[in-house]
């Protein structure tokens, strides 16, 4: 019993990367954010191309934040599947809203 209690308060840091890895991910997120801001000011490109580019960059940022800062990459496969299932539903709902508001002409 005492053996189990000793392990409850301890954290296993062997699975987690060094703080420098988190700083690197934060730098990548800052670069992607700067690209998103730059894309917003581009005026000689079709709106649908900018929208798709912003959605891709948004997905990259979402993936990095979920994997690194929410520690999803260290969780079990069950939690990952639940998370990705919810993400698929959110993307489908977002696509329907964009189609209904005529941003993406899925049905014209």
C-alpha atoms as a PDB file:
ATOM      1  CA  UNK A   1       0.000   0.000   0.000  1.00  0.00           C
ATOM      2  CA  UNK A   2       2.751   2.453   0.843  1.00  0.00           C
ATOM      3  CA  UNK A   3       4.502   1.553  -2.390  1.00  0.00           C
ATOM      4  CA  UNK A   4       1.483   2.646  -4.425  1.00  0.00           C
ATOM      5  CA  UNK A   5       1.097   5.883  -2.482  1.00  0.00           C
ATOM      6  CA  UNK A   6       4.702   6.833  -3.168  1.00  0.00           C
ATOM      7  CA  UNK A   7       4.098   6.696  -6.918  1.00  0.00           C
ATOM      8  CA  UNK A   8       0.942   8.808  -6.855  1.00  0.00           C
ATOM      9  CA  UNK A   9       2.706  12.112  -6.211  1.00  0.00           C
ATOM     10  CA  UNK A  10       5.632  11.424  -8.511  1.00  0.00           C
ATOM     11  CA  UNK A  11       5.578  12.592 -12.090  1.00  0.00           C
ATOM     12  CA  UNK A  12       7.209  10.573 -14.823  1.00  0.00           C
ATOM     13  CA  UNK A  13       9.088  13.169 -16.841  1.00  0.00           C
ATOM     14  CA  UNK A  14      10.825  10.616 -19.079  1.00  0.00           C
ATOM     15  CA  UNK A  15       8.017  10.888 -21.664  1.00  0.00           C
ATOM     16  CA  UNK A  16       7.973  14.667 -21.795  1.00  0.00           C
ATOM     17  CA  UNK A  17      10.401  16.708 -23.865  1.00  0.00           C
ATOM     18  CA  UNK A  18      12.705  19.387 -22.573  1.00  0.00           C
ATOM     19  CA  UNK A  19      11.461  22.970 -22.187  1.00  0.00           C
ATOM     20  CA  UNK A  20      13.437  23.937 -25.289  1.00  0.00           C
ATOM     21  CA  UNK A  21      11.073  21.783 -27.377  1.00  0.00           C
ATOM     22  CA  UNK A  22       8.117  23.792 -26.088  1.00  0.00           C
ATOM     23  CA  UNK A  23       9.919  27.028 -26.947  1.00  0.00           C
ATOM     24  CA  UNK A  24      10.530  25.675 -30.459  1.00  0.00           C
ATOM     25  CA  UNK A  25       6.853  24.830 -30.877  1.00  0.00           C
ATOM     26  CA  UNK A  26       5.924  28.298 -29.610  1.00  0.00           C
ATOM     27  CA  UNK A  27       8.270  29.822 -32.218  1.00  0.00           C
ATOM     28  CA  UNK A  28       6.618  27.765 -34.959  1.00  0.00           C
ATOM     29  CA  UNK A  29       3.207  28.935 -33.737  1.00  0.00           C
ATOM     30  CA  UNK A  30       4.404  32.552 -33.856  1.00  0.00           C
ATOM     31  CA  UNK A  31       5.625  32.102 -37.449  1.00  0.00           C
ATOM     32  CA  UNK A  32       2.336  30.516 -38.530  1.00  0.00           C
ATOM     33  CA  UNK A  33       0.420  33.345 -36.835  1.00  0.00           C
ATOM     34  CA  UNK A  34       2.540  35.903 -38.690  1.00  0.00           C
ATOM     35  CA  UNK A  35       1.751  34.090 -41.954  1.00  0.00           C
ATOM     36  CA  UNK A  36      -1.964  34.231 -41.136  1.00  0.00           C
ATOM     37  CA  UNK A  37      -1.785  37.951 -40.476  1.00  0.00           C
ATOM     38  CA  UNK A  38       0.154  38.478 -43.705  1.00  0.00           C
ATOM     39  CA  UNK A  39      -2.414  36.476 -45.680  1.00  0.00           C
ATOM     40  CA  UNK A  40      -5.182  38.682 -44.347  1.00  0.00           C
ATOM     41  CA  UNK A  41      -3.639  41.708 -46.058  1.00  0.00           C
ATOM     42  CA  UNK A  42      -3.100  40.029 -49.452  1.00  0.00           C
ATOM     43  CA  UNK A  43      -5.509  41.652 -51.890  1.00  0.00           C
ATOM     44  CA  UNK A  44      -4.698  40.297 -55.353  1.00  0.00           C
ATOM     45  CA  UNK A  45      -5.691  36.661 -54.681  1.00  0.00           C
ATOM     46  CA  UNK A  46      -9.144  35.074 -54.799  1.00  0.00           C
ATOM     47  CA  UNK A  47     -11.001  35.088 -51.503  1.00  0.00           C
ATOM     48  CA  UNK A  48     -11.589  31.323 -51.538  1.00  0.00           C
ATOM     49  CA  UNK A  49      -7.836  30.660 -51.835  1.00  0.00           C
ATOM     50  CA  UNK A  50      -7.103  32.917 -48.890  1.00  0.00           C
ATOM     51  CA  UNK A  51      -9.894  31.261 -46.898  1.00  0.00           C
ATOM     52  CA  UNK A  52      -8.565  27.776 -47.618  1.00  0.00           C
ATOM     53  CA  UNK A  53      -5.020  28.872 -46.756  1.00  0.00           C
ATOM     54  CA  UNK A  54      -6.180  30.387 -43.479  1.00  0.00           C
ATOM     55  CA  UNK A  55      -8.092  27.208 -42.637  1.00  0.00           C
ATOM     56  CA  UNK A  56      -5.009  25.074 -43.291  1.00  0.00           C
ATOM     57  CA  UNK A  57      -2.836  27.327 -41.144  1.00  0.00           C
ATOM     58  CA  UNK A  58      -5.514  27.265 -38.442  1.00  0.00           C
ATOM     59  CA  UNK A  59      -5.515  23.459 -38.511  1.00  0.00           C
ATOM     60  CA  UNK A  60      -1.729  23.376 -38.192  1.00  0.00           C
ATOM     61  CA  UNK A  61      -1.843  25.645 -35.161  1.00  0.00           C
ATOM     62  CA  UNK A  62      -4.680  23.663 -33.614  1.00  0.00           C
ATOM     63  CA  UNK A  63      -2.795  20.405 -34.099  1.00  0.00           C
ATOM     64  CA  UNK A  64       0.403  21.777 -32.567  1.00  0.00           C
ATOM     65  CA  UNK A  65      -1.378  23.250 -29.540  1.00  0.00           C
ATOM     66  CA  UNK A  66      -3.386  20.075 -28.940  1.00  0.00           C
ATOM     67  CA  UNK A  67      -0.413  17.759 -29.318  1.00  0.00           C
ATOM     68  CA  UNK A  68       2.201  19.727 -27.406  1.00  0.00           C
ATOM     69  CA  UNK A  69       0.588  22.109 -24.940  1.00  0.00           C
ATOM     70  CA  UNK A  70      -2.491  20.006 -24.167  1.00  0.00           C
ATOM     71  CA  UNK A  71      -0.203  16.931 -24.020  1.00  0.00           C
ATOM     72  CA  UNK A  72      -2.452  14.883 -26.279  1.00  0.00           C
ATOM     73  CA  UNK A  73       0.519  13.104 -27.790  1.00  0.00           C
ATOM     74  CA  UNK A  74       1.251  11.572 -24.394  1.00  0.00           C
ATOM     75  CA  UNK A  75      -2.297  10.244 -23.871  1.00  0.00           C
ATOM     76  CA  UNK A  76      -3.691   6.845 -24.742  1.00  0.00           C
ATOM     77  CA  UNK A  77      -5.165   5.984 -28.128  1.00  0.00           C
ATOM     78  CA  UNK A  78      -8.725   6.112 -26.731  1.00  0.00           C
ATOM     79  CA  UNK A  79      -8.417   9.800 -25.826  1.00  0.00           C
ATOM     80  CA  UNK A  80      -6.886  10.589 -29.198  1.00  0.00           C
ATOM     81  CA  UNK A  81      -9.760   8.905 -31.027  1.00  0.00           C
ATOM     82  CA  UNK A  82     -12.345  10.745 -28.946  1.00  0.00           C
ATOM     83  CA  UNK A  83     -10.563  14.020 -29.584  1.00  0.00           C
ATOM     84  CA  UNK A  84     -10.276  13.436 -33.333  1.00  0.00           C
ATOM     85  CA  UNK A  85     -13.925  12.345 -33.516  1.00  0.00           C
ATOM     86  CA  UNK A  86     -15.014  15.608 -31.937  1.00  0.00           C
ATOM     87  CA  UNK A  87     -12.687  17.502 -34.234  1.00  0.00           C
ATOM     88  CA  UNK A  88     -14.203  15.811 -37.302  1.00  0.00           C
ATOM     89  CA  UNK A  89     -17.690  16.798 -36.155  1.00  0.00           C
ATOM     90  CA  UNK A  90     -16.578  20.397 -35.592  1.00  0.00           C
ATOM     91  CA  UNK A  91     -14.967  20.590 -39.049  1.00  0.00           C
ATOM     92  CA  UNK A  92     -18.110  19.174 -40.660  1.00  0.00           C
ATOM     93  CA  UNK A  93     -20.299  21.712 -38.848  1.00  0.00           C
ATOM     94  CA  UNK A  94     -17.938  24.524 -39.840  1.00  0.00           C
ATOM     95  CA  UNK A  95     -18.030  23.419 -43.494  1.00  0.00           C
ATOM     96  CA  UNK A  96     -21.831  23.417 -43.450  1.00  0.00           C
ATOM     97  CA  UNK A  97     -21.916  26.929 -42.018  1.00  0.00           C
ATOM     98  CA  UNK A  98     -19.401  28.174 -44.584  1.00  0.00           C
ATOM     99  CA  UNK A  99     -21.404  26.554 -47.362  1.00  0.00           C
ATOM    100  CA  UNK A 100     -24.667  28.010 -46.106  1.00  0.00           C
ATOM    101  CA  UNK A 101     -23.165  31.493 -45.902  1.00  0.00           C
ATOM    102  CA  UNK A 102     -21.895  31.141 -49.481  1.00  0.00           C
ATOM    103  CA  UNK A 103     -18.225  31.419 -48.532  1.00  0.00           C
ATOM    104  CA  UNK A 104     -17.675  28.010 -50.108  1.00  0.00           C
ATOM    105  CA  UNK A 105     -20.151  27.418 -52.942  1.00  0.00           C
ATOM    106  CA  UNK A 106     -20.645  23.696 -52.245  1.00  0.00           C
ATOM    107  CA  UNK A 107     -24.082  23.907 -53.744  1.00  0.00           C
ATOM    108  CA  UNK A 108     -24.769  26.736 -56.125  1.00  0.00           C
END
